Amino acid sequence: MAVDNSVRVVILILLAVDGVLCAVAAALLLPYRVGGVPMPISAVVAGLVNLGLVWAASYWARSGGLAALPLWTWLATVALLTFGGPGGDVIFGGTGVLAYSAVLMILFGAGPAAFWLWVRSQRRSVIR
């Protein structure tokens, strides 16, 4: 089934926007607490969502670089959120585990999708 290139572009743009939305939601939910104990579960959920976004993008993209587009937009959004706001407020920061919240977001949020892309590229290089 032939798919028009404009459909591919629209779907990849929507997946990239989903990467941005995933990063914002995960960053805002990162300080979630259960009984006073910080549970940064949103970083793990973001990793699974990113894996799904990259998998979906790989179906529509013709190259591995384009398949990583949702991951790149997610990483760019996390990088932008590390800067303070106009009032000096910060998204990433805190005490205890939350002091390392940006690192947790990058490891658990980008790790699964990056690993899947790496495995996919290794398989393609073996096939060629």
C-alpha atoms as a PDB file:
ATOM      1  CA  MET A   1       0.000   0.000   0.000  1.00  0.00           C
ATOM      2  CA  ALA A   2       1.521   3.272  -1.101  1.00  0.00           C
ATOM      3  CA  VAL A   3       1.249   6.124   1.355  1.00  0.00           C
ATOM      4  CA  ASP A   4       1.529   9.720   0.261  1.00  0.00           C
ATOM      5  CA  ASN A   5       4.597  11.543   1.599  1.00  0.00           C
ATOM      6  CA  SER A   6       2.428  14.308   3.044  1.00  0.00           C
ATOM      7  CA  VAL A   7       0.702  11.736   5.254  1.00  0.00           C
ATOM      8  CA  ARG A   8       4.100  10.537   6.485  1.00  0.00           C
ATOM      9  CA  VAL A   9       5.180  14.097   7.261  1.00  0.00           C
ATOM     10  CA  VAL A  10       1.982  14.893   9.169  1.00  0.00           C
ATOM     11  CA  ILE A  11       2.217  11.710  11.236  1.00  0.00           C
ATOM     12  CA  LEU A  12       5.898  12.285  12.052  1.00  0.00           C
ATOM     13  CA  ILE A  13       5.131  15.878  13.101  1.00  0.00           C
ATOM     14  CA  LEU A  14       2.330  14.633  15.363  1.00  0.00           C
ATOM     15  CA  LEU A  15       4.664  12.050  16.908  1.00  0.00           C
ATOM     16  CA  ALA A  16       7.263  14.790  17.491  1.00  0.00           C
ATOM     17  CA  VAL A  17       4.635  16.945  19.223  1.00  0.00           C
ATOM     18  CA  ASP A  18       3.703  13.911  21.322  1.00  0.00           C
ATOM     19  CA  GLY A  19       7.352  13.720  22.396  1.00  0.00           C
ATOM     20  CA  VAL A  20       7.154  17.315  23.626  1.00  0.00           C
ATOM     21  CA  LEU A  21       3.886  16.668  25.482  1.00  0.00           C
ATOM     22  CA  CYS A  22       5.338  13.527  27.063  1.00  0.00           C
ATOM     23  CA  ALA A  23       8.372  15.461  28.330  1.00  0.00           C
ATOM     24  CA  VAL A  24       6.251  18.231  29.846  1.00  0.00           C
ATOM     25  CA  ALA A  25       3.850  15.793  31.520  1.00  0.00           C
ATOM     26  CA  ALA A  26       6.668  13.624  32.874  1.00  0.00           C
ATOM     27  CA  ALA A  27       8.569  16.634  34.215  1.00  0.00           C
ATOM     28  CA  LEU A  28       5.512  18.043  35.963  1.00  0.00           C
ATOM     29  CA  LEU A  29       4.607  14.668  37.501  1.00  0.00           C
ATOM     30  CA  LEU A  30       8.176  13.815  38.534  1.00  0.00           C
ATOM     31  CA  PRO A  31       7.857  15.034  42.157  1.00  0.00           C
ATOM     32  CA  TYR A  32       4.889  12.694  42.778  1.00  0.00           C
ATOM     33  CA  ARG A  33       4.930  11.347  46.331  1.00  0.00           C
ATOM     34  CA  VAL A  34       3.408   8.268  47.919  1.00  0.00           C
ATOM     35  CA  GLY A  35       3.091   8.676  51.669  1.00  0.00           C
ATOM     36  CA  GLY A  36       5.756  11.366  51.750  1.00  0.00           C
ATOM     37  CA  VAL A  37       8.270   9.284  49.786  1.00  0.00           C
ATOM     38  CA  PRO A  38       9.188  10.646  46.339  1.00  0.00           C
ATOM     39  CA  MET A  39       8.280   8.206  43.566  1.00  0.00           C
ATOM     40  CA  PRO A  40       9.658   9.472  40.245  1.00  0.00           C
ATOM     41  CA  ILE A  41       7.593   6.916  38.339  1.00  0.00           C
ATOM     42  CA  SER A  42       6.809   9.400  35.567  1.00  0.00           C
ATOM     43  CA  ALA A  43      10.370   8.999  34.263  1.00  0.00           C
ATOM     44  CA  VAL A  44       9.770   5.270  33.753  1.00  0.00           C
ATOM     45  CA  VAL A  45       6.377   5.892  32.170  1.00  0.00           C
ATOM     46  CA  ALA A  46       7.992   8.479  29.878  1.00  0.00           C
ATOM     47  CA  GLY A  47      10.524   5.844  28.823  1.00  0.00           C
ATOM     48  CA  LEU A  48       7.759   3.458  27.824  1.00  0.00           C
ATOM     49  CA  VAL A  49       5.844   6.198  26.011  1.00  0.00           C
ATOM     50  CA  ASN A  50       9.010   7.264  24.171  1.00  0.00           C
ATOM     51  CA  LEU A  51       9.631   3.670  23.171  1.00  0.00           C
ATOM     52  CA  GLY A  52       6.136   3.513  21.702  1.00  0.00           C
ATOM     53  CA  LEU A  53       6.559   6.847  19.919  1.00  0.00           C
ATOM     54  CA  VAL A  54       9.882   5.822  18.382  1.00  0.00           C
ATOM     55  CA  TRP A  55       8.466   2.458  17.360  1.00  0.00           C
ATOM     56  CA  ALA A  56       5.516   4.185  15.668  1.00  0.00           C
ATOM     57  CA  ALA A  57       7.833   6.698  13.998  1.00  0.00           C
ATOM     58  CA  SER A  58      10.014   3.877  12.669  1.00  0.00           C
ATOM     59  CA  TYR A  59       6.952   2.479  10.905  1.00  0.00           C
ATOM     60  CA  TRP A  60       6.308   5.783   9.103  1.00  0.00           C
ATOM     61  CA  ALA A  61       9.886   7.033   8.646  1.00  0.00           C
ATOM     62  CA  ARG A  62      12.121   5.909   5.848  1.00  0.00           C
ATOM     63  CA  SER A  63      15.333   6.374   7.834  1.00  0.00           C
ATOM     64  CA  GLY A  64      16.532   5.707  11.357  1.00  0.00           C
ATOM     65  CA  GLY A  65      17.222   9.385  11.904  1.00  0.00           C
ATOM     66  CA  LEU A  66      13.613  10.298  11.286  1.00  0.00           C
ATOM     67  CA  ALA A  67      12.468   7.435  13.495  1.00  0.00           C
ATOM     68  CA  ALA A  68      14.289   9.130  16.370  1.00  0.00           C
ATOM     69  CA  LEU A  69      12.421  12.422  15.862  1.00  0.00           C
ATOM     70  CA  PRO A  70      10.056  11.977  18.860  1.00  0.00           C
ATOM     71  CA  LEU A  71      13.040  11.148  21.068  1.00  0.00           C
ATOM     72  CA  TRP A  72      14.945  14.228  19.889  1.00  0.00           C
ATOM     73  CA  THR A  73      11.983  16.506  20.577  1.00  0.00           C
ATOM     74  CA  TRP A  74      11.580  14.898  24.000  1.00  0.00           C
ATOM     75  CA  LEU A  75      15.259  15.457  24.821  1.00  0.00           C
ATOM     76  CA  ALA A  76      15.137  19.062  23.586  1.00  0.00           C
ATOM     77  CA  THR A  77      12.099  19.735  25.769  1.00  0.00           C
ATOM     78  CA  VAL A  78      13.766  18.207  28.831  1.00  0.00           C
ATOM     79  CA  ALA A  79      16.852  20.326  28.117  1.00  0.00           C
ATOM     80  CA  LEU A  80      14.723  23.484  27.909  1.00  0.00           C
ATOM     81  CA  LEU A  81      12.939  22.593  31.138  1.00  0.00           C
ATOM     82  CA  THR A  82      16.251  22.440  33.014  1.00  0.00           C
ATOM     83  CA  PHE A  83      16.546  26.222  32.762  1.00  0.00           C
ATOM     84  CA  GLY A  84      14.840  28.345  35.376  1.00  0.00           C
ATOM     85  CA  GLY A  85      11.730  30.327  34.629  1.00  0.00           C
ATOM     86  CA  PRO A  86      11.356  34.104  34.742  1.00  0.00           C
ATOM     87  CA  GLY A  87      10.586  34.086  38.473  1.00  0.00           C
ATOM     88  CA  GLY A  88      13.521  31.824  39.298  1.00  0.00           C
ATOM     89  CA  ASP A  89      11.330  28.752  39.577  1.00  0.00           C
ATOM     90  CA  VAL A  90      12.710  25.403  38.405  1.00  0.00           C
ATOM     91  CA  ILE A  91      11.061  22.187  37.270  1.00  0.00           C
ATOM     92  CA  PHE A  92      13.957  19.872  38.029  1.00  0.00           C
ATOM     93  CA  GLY A  93      15.381  20.069  41.505  1.00  0.00           C
ATOM     94  CA  GLY A  94      14.647  19.275  45.094  1.00  0.00           C
ATOM     95  CA  THR A  95      16.096  17.247  47.894  1.00  0.00           C
ATOM     96  CA  GLY A  96      16.973  13.579  48.063  1.00  0.00           C
ATOM     97  CA  VAL A  97      16.157  11.640  44.923  1.00  0.00           C
ATOM     98  CA  LEU A  98      14.674  14.714  43.268  1.00  0.00           C
ATOM     99  CA  ALA A  99      18.079  16.422  43.346  1.00  0.00           C
ATOM    100  CA  TYR A 100      18.940  14.085  40.477  1.00  0.00           C
ATOM    101  CA  SER A 101      15.610  14.436  38.695  1.00  0.00           C
ATOM    102  CA  ALA A 102      17.055  15.637  35.373  1.00  0.00           C
ATOM    103  CA  VAL A 103      19.456  12.688  35.292  1.00  0.00           C
ATOM    104  CA  LEU A 104      16.626  10.295  36.176  1.00  0.00           C
ATOM    105  CA  MET A 105      14.483  11.733  33.400  1.00  0.00           C
ATOM    106  CA  ILE A 106      17.207  11.313  30.801  1.00  0.00           C
ATOM    107  CA  LEU A 107      18.224   7.805  31.901  1.00  0.00           C
ATOM    108  CA  PHE A 108      14.773   6.313  32.356  1.00  0.00           C
ATOM    109  CA  GLY A 109      12.925   8.525  29.879  1.00  0.00           C
ATOM    110  CA  ALA A 110      15.270   8.305  26.916  1.00  0.00           C
ATOM    111  CA  GLY A 111      17.058   5.057  27.724  1.00  0.00           C
ATOM    112  CA  PRO A 112      14.554   2.488  26.432  1.00  0.00           C
ATOM    113  CA  ALA A 113      13.923   4.304  23.141  1.00  0.00           C
ATOM    114  CA  ALA A 114      17.624   4.988  22.573  1.00  0.00           C
ATOM    115  CA  PHE A 115      18.453   1.341  23.279  1.00  0.00           C
ATOM    116  CA  TRP A 116      15.748   0.163  20.860  1.00  0.00           C
ATOM    117  CA  LEU A 117      17.083   2.497  18.150  1.00  0.00           C
ATOM    118  CA  TRP A 118      20.616   1.224  18.753  1.00  0.00           C
ATOM    119  CA  VAL A 119      19.534  -2.437  18.524  1.00  0.00           C
ATOM    120  CA  ARG A 120      17.567  -1.655  15.370  1.00  0.00           C
ATOM    121  CA  SER A 121      20.589   0.008  13.766  1.00  0.00           C
ATOM    122  CA  GLN A 122      22.808  -2.950  14.699  1.00  0.00           C
ATOM    123  CA  ARG A 123      20.370  -5.380  13.097  1.00  0.00           C
ATOM    124  CA  ARG A 124      20.249  -3.324   9.929  1.00  0.00           C
ATOM    125  CA  SER A 125      24.046  -3.146   9.725  1.00  0.00           C
ATOM    126  CA  VAL A 126      24.285  -6.955  10.073  1.00  0.00           C
ATOM    127  CA  ILE A 127      21.682  -7.480   7.348  1.00  0.00           C
ATOM    128  CA  ARG A 128      23.495  -5.221   4.874  1.00  0.00           C
END
